[in-house]
Amino acid sequence: MKNLNIHIQVKPELYLKNPDTTDLGRNIVSSSIALISDLGFEAFTFKKLGEIIKSPESSIYRYFESKHTLLVYLTSWYWTWIEYRLVFAAANVESAVQRLKESIKILTRQIAEDLSLGEIDVRLLEKIIITESAKTYLTKLVDKENEKGYFAAYKQVVKRVTEIVTEINPKYEYPHMLITTIIEGAHHQHYFAEHLPSLTNTFKNKEDIISEFYIHLVFKTIEE
């Protein structure tokens, strides 16, 4: 599944100039993914990015007002893409149980194949989501940024999956808490598996153990 013909639209509130409209903008996005993945978000700067893309630091500020808003843009792109995958996986699947299982797999599996979309390396972007995405909302400005719609793509993903939970069991009272726990928990489990393996359970030749765990957890939790 290489270079899928999908156009991901990110809310205009997240950029000063749409990076998808110019070669420079697309280079800023793709190179920032590689650099953040390599250095970590704390060490990443627009100056370093400018050196990589051979463009003045000021040119990057024409697209994004700060590295924080750039990170929000990247996470929004990712969650918009995840929603596309959720919609595609649920198409023509009548069983709500099967749709929920497939949705949990999408939310909890790491990308193993090349799903690069144009200049976007989705596997590198996923690593950033796992390690850095909480920094988009664990800030003093979270309430103001929420009002501006910074987290709309993430919230839409959660909403779409909670609707399936409610379809299966309308009496279950905590669907949003359940789905955000799955998403954030899966991120932690993948991070632990790579860096702190004694904090999780891993088995050789069983790549889907995290997905299996969360499928088991969800259906045990919501069963009547």
Protein backbone atom coordinates (compact mmCIF):
# COMPACT_ATOMS: atom_id res chain seq x y z
CA MET A 1 0.00 0.00 0.00
CA LYS A 2 2.42 2.63 -1.19
CA ASN A 3 1.65 6.25 -1.99
CA LEU A 4 -2.12 5.99 -1.61
CA ASN A 5 -4.04 8.65 -3.50
CA ILE A 6 -5.56 10.28 -0.41
CA HIS A 7 -5.68 13.99 0.26
CA ILE A 8 -5.74 14.84 3.96
CA GLN A 9 -7.25 18.22 4.78
CA VAL A 10 -6.17 19.89 8.02
CA LYS A 11 -8.18 22.68 9.64
CA PRO A 12 -6.92 26.13 8.52
CA GLU A 13 -6.74 27.27 12.14
CA LEU A 14 -3.59 25.18 12.48
CA TYR A 15 -1.42 27.05 9.98
CA LEU A 16 -0.71 30.54 8.72
CA LYS A 17 -0.28 29.36 5.14
CA ASN A 18 -1.41 25.95 3.95
CA PRO A 19 1.81 23.92 3.61
CA ASP A 20 0.10 21.53 1.22
CA THR A 21 -0.08 24.23 -1.46
CA THR A 22 3.66 24.69 -2.11
CA ASP A 23 6.77 22.56 -2.53
CA LEU A 24 8.39 24.44 0.35
CA GLY A 25 5.42 23.84 2.62
CA ARG A 26 5.34 20.13 1.87
CA ASN A 27 9.11 19.97 2.44
CA ILE A 28 8.68 21.71 5.81
CA VAL A 29 6.13 19.12 6.90
CA SER A 30 7.97 16.03 5.68
CA SER A 31 11.37 17.21 6.95
CA SER A 32 9.94 18.22 10.32
CA ILE A 33 8.59 14.70 10.77
CA ALA A 34 12.02 13.22 10.11
CA LEU A 35 13.78 15.75 12.34
CA ILE A 36 11.37 15.49 15.29
CA SER A 37 11.58 11.71 15.06
CA ASP A 38 15.37 11.93 15.10
CA LEU A 39 15.93 14.65 17.73
CA GLY A 40 12.77 14.63 19.83
CA PHE A 41 10.42 17.59 20.10
CA GLU A 42 12.36 19.42 22.82
CA ALA A 43 15.54 19.56 20.74
CA PHE A 44 13.72 20.35 17.50
CA THR A 45 13.82 24.00 16.37
CA PHE A 46 12.86 25.91 13.26
CA LYS A 47 16.50 26.95 12.91
CA LYS A 48 17.59 23.32 12.67
CA LEU A 49 14.73 22.58 10.29
CA GLY A 50 15.76 25.52 8.10
CA GLU A 51 19.28 24.12 7.87
CA ILE A 52 17.91 20.75 6.74
CA ILE A 53 15.62 22.18 4.07
CA LYS A 54 18.12 24.88 3.09
CA SER A 55 15.65 27.69 3.63
CA PRO A 56 15.70 30.66 6.04
CA GLU A 57 14.10 30.11 9.43
CA SER A 58 11.80 33.04 8.64
CA SER A 59 10.28 31.10 5.72
CA ILE A 60 9.01 28.43 8.12
CA TYR A 61 7.32 31.08 10.26
CA ARG A 62 5.25 32.04 7.22
CA TYR A 63 3.54 28.64 7.54
CA PHE A 64 3.50 28.01 11.30
CA GLU A 65 3.66 30.53 14.12
CA SER A 66 5.58 28.15 16.42
CA LYS A 67 6.91 24.63 16.67
CA HIS A 68 3.96 23.89 18.98
CA THR A 69 1.42 24.69 16.27
CA LEU A 70 3.47 22.63 13.82
CA LEU A 71 3.20 19.65 16.19
CA VAL A 72 -0.55 20.23 16.50
CA TYR A 73 -0.74 20.30 12.69
CA LEU A 74 1.10 16.97 12.45
CA THR A 75 -1.11 15.30 15.05
CA SER A 76 -4.24 16.65 13.38
CA TRP A 77 -3.04 15.30 10.04
CA TYR A 78 -2.48 11.91 11.65
CA TRP A 79 -5.89 11.72 13.33
CA THR A 80 -7.64 12.85 10.15
CA TRP A 81 -5.89 10.01 8.35
CA ILE A 82 -6.88 7.57 11.12
CA GLU A 83 -10.51 8.62 10.71
CA TYR A 84 -10.25 7.92 6.98
CA ARG A 85 -9.01 4.42 7.81
CA LEU A 86 -11.85 3.91 10.31
CA VAL A 87 -14.43 4.91 7.71
CA PHE A 88 -12.85 2.67 5.08
CA ALA A 89 -12.66 -0.32 7.45
CA ALA A 90 -16.31 0.05 8.47
CA ALA A 91 -17.67 0.40 4.95
CA ASN A 92 -20.18 -2.34 4.10
CA VAL A 93 -19.64 -4.10 7.46
CA GLU A 94 -23.06 -4.60 9.02
CA SER A 95 -21.91 -6.15 12.29
CA ALA A 96 -21.22 -3.50 14.93
CA VAL A 97 -19.09 -6.01 16.83
CA GLN A 98 -16.86 -6.55 13.81
CA ARG A 99 -16.67 -2.80 13.13
CA LEU A 100 -15.57 -2.19 16.72
CA LYS A 101 -12.92 -4.92 16.52
CA GLU A 102 -11.52 -3.46 13.30
CA SER A 103 -11.57 0.04 14.80
CA ILE A 104 -9.66 -1.10 17.87
CA LYS A 105 -7.05 -2.72 15.63
CA ILE A 106 -6.58 0.55 13.75
CA LEU A 107 -6.25 2.49 17.01
CA THR A 108 -3.82 0.09 18.66
CA ARG A 109 -1.67 -1.54 15.98
CA GLN A 110 1.60 -0.01 14.94
CA ILE A 111 2.09 0.46 11.21
CA ALA A 112 4.22 -2.36 9.87
CA GLU A 113 4.03 -1.66 6.13
CA ASP A 114 4.89 1.32 3.98
CA LEU A 115 1.81 3.53 4.06
CA SER A 116 3.58 6.72 3.04
CA LEU A 117 1.24 9.30 1.54
CA GLY A 118 3.07 11.61 -0.83
CA GLU A 119 5.85 13.23 1.17
CA ILE A 120 4.47 12.04 4.53
CA ASP A 121 6.28 9.12 6.14
CA VAL A 122 3.39 7.76 8.20
CA ARG A 123 5.52 5.30 10.14
CA LEU A 124 7.76 8.09 11.40
CA LEU A 125 4.72 10.24 12.10
CA GLU A 126 3.17 7.45 14.14
CA LYS A 127 6.30 7.29 16.29
CA ILE A 128 5.91 11.03 16.94
CA ILE A 129 2.27 10.50 17.90
CA ILE A 130 3.28 7.83 20.40
CA THR A 131 6.08 9.84 22.01
CA GLU A 132 5.13 13.48 21.54
CA SER A 133 1.40 14.00 20.88
CA ALA A 134 0.44 14.50 24.54
CA LYS A 135 2.54 17.68 24.43
CA THR A 136 -0.05 19.24 22.13
CA TYR A 137 -2.66 19.41 24.91
CA LEU A 138 -0.70 19.19 28.18
CA THR A 139 -0.15 22.94 28.11
CA LYS A 140 -1.45 26.06 29.84
CA LEU A 141 -3.14 27.15 26.60
CA VAL A 142 -5.14 23.96 26.07
CA ASP A 143 -8.54 25.54 26.77
CA LYS A 144 -8.04 28.42 24.36
CA GLU A 145 -6.63 26.11 21.71
CA ASN A 146 -9.53 23.72 22.18
CA GLU A 147 -11.94 26.61 21.52
CA LYS A 148 -10.08 27.24 18.26
CA GLY A 149 -10.58 23.63 17.18
CA TYR A 150 -6.99 22.47 17.54
CA PHE A 151 -8.04 19.00 18.72
CA ALA A 152 -11.09 18.49 16.51
CA ALA A 153 -9.55 15.65 14.48
CA TYR A 154 -8.66 13.63 17.59
CA LYS A 155 -12.10 14.23 19.09
CA GLN A 156 -13.77 13.14 15.85
CA VAL A 157 -11.89 9.82 15.93
CA VAL A 158 -13.01 9.23 19.52
CA LYS A 159 -16.60 10.17 18.65
CA ARG A 160 -16.72 7.80 15.69
CA VAL A 161 -15.60 4.80 17.74
CA THR A 162 -17.72 5.63 20.80
CA GLU A 163 -20.78 5.59 18.54
CA ILE A 164 -20.04 1.94 17.74
CA VAL A 165 -19.68 1.14 21.45
CA THR A 166 -23.04 2.77 22.13
CA GLU A 167 -24.58 0.88 19.22
CA ILE A 168 -23.49 -2.40 20.80
CA ASN A 169 -24.48 -1.46 24.34
CA PRO A 170 -26.57 1.72 24.66
CA LYS A 171 -26.53 1.34 28.44
CA TYR A 172 -22.77 1.58 28.79
CA GLU A 173 -22.08 4.90 30.51
CA TYR A 174 -18.42 5.60 29.80
CA PRO A 175 -17.76 5.18 26.05
CA HIS A 176 -15.57 8.30 25.65
CA MET A 177 -13.45 7.40 28.65
CA LEU A 178 -13.09 3.87 27.32
CA ILE A 179 -11.92 4.88 23.84
CA THR A 180 -9.46 7.55 25.01
CA THR A 181 -8.08 5.03 27.51
CA ILE A 182 -7.53 2.58 24.65
CA ILE A 183 -5.78 5.13 22.45
CA GLU A 184 -3.51 6.61 25.09
CA GLY A 185 -2.91 3.24 26.73
CA ALA A 186 -1.89 1.62 23.46
CA HIS A 187 0.61 4.42 22.90
CA HIS A 188 2.11 3.73 26.31
CA GLN A 189 2.24 -0.02 25.68
CA HIS A 190 4.08 0.41 22.37
CA TYR A 191 6.52 2.79 24.04
CA PHE A 192 7.05 0.38 26.94
CA ALA A 193 7.55 -2.55 24.56
CA GLU A 194 10.37 -0.69 22.81
CA HIS A 195 12.03 1.03 25.77
CA LEU A 196 10.74 -0.38 29.09
CA PRO A 197 9.69 -3.95 28.29
CA SER A 198 9.33 -5.03 31.92
CA LEU A 199 6.28 -2.73 32.14
CA THR A 200 4.30 -4.62 29.51
CA ASN A 201 3.76 -8.12 28.12
CA THR A 202 5.46 -9.05 24.87
CA PHE A 203 5.64 -12.40 23.13
CA LYS A 204 7.77 -13.42 20.22
CA ASN A 205 5.89 -14.02 16.95
CA LYS A 206 2.79 -12.30 18.34
CA GLU A 207 2.79 -8.78 16.97
CA ASP A 208 -0.89 -8.13 17.66
CA ILE A 209 -0.81 -8.76 21.40
CA ILE A 210 -1.59 -5.12 22.23
CA SER A 211 -4.60 -5.12 19.92
CA GLU A 212 -5.73 -8.46 21.33
CA PHE A 213 -5.47 -7.10 24.86
CA TYR A 214 -7.58 -4.04 24.11
CA ILE A 215 -10.18 -5.99 22.14
CA HIS A 216 -10.51 -8.33 25.12
CA LEU A 217 -10.65 -5.39 27.54
CA VAL A 218 -13.30 -3.47 25.59
CA PHE A 219 -15.68 -6.34 25.06
CA LYS A 220 -15.38 -7.54 28.65
CA THR A 221 -16.02 -4.00 29.78
CA ILE A 222 -19.09 -3.26 27.68
CA GLU A 223 -20.79 -6.64 27.85
CA GLU A 224 -24.19 -6.51 29.50
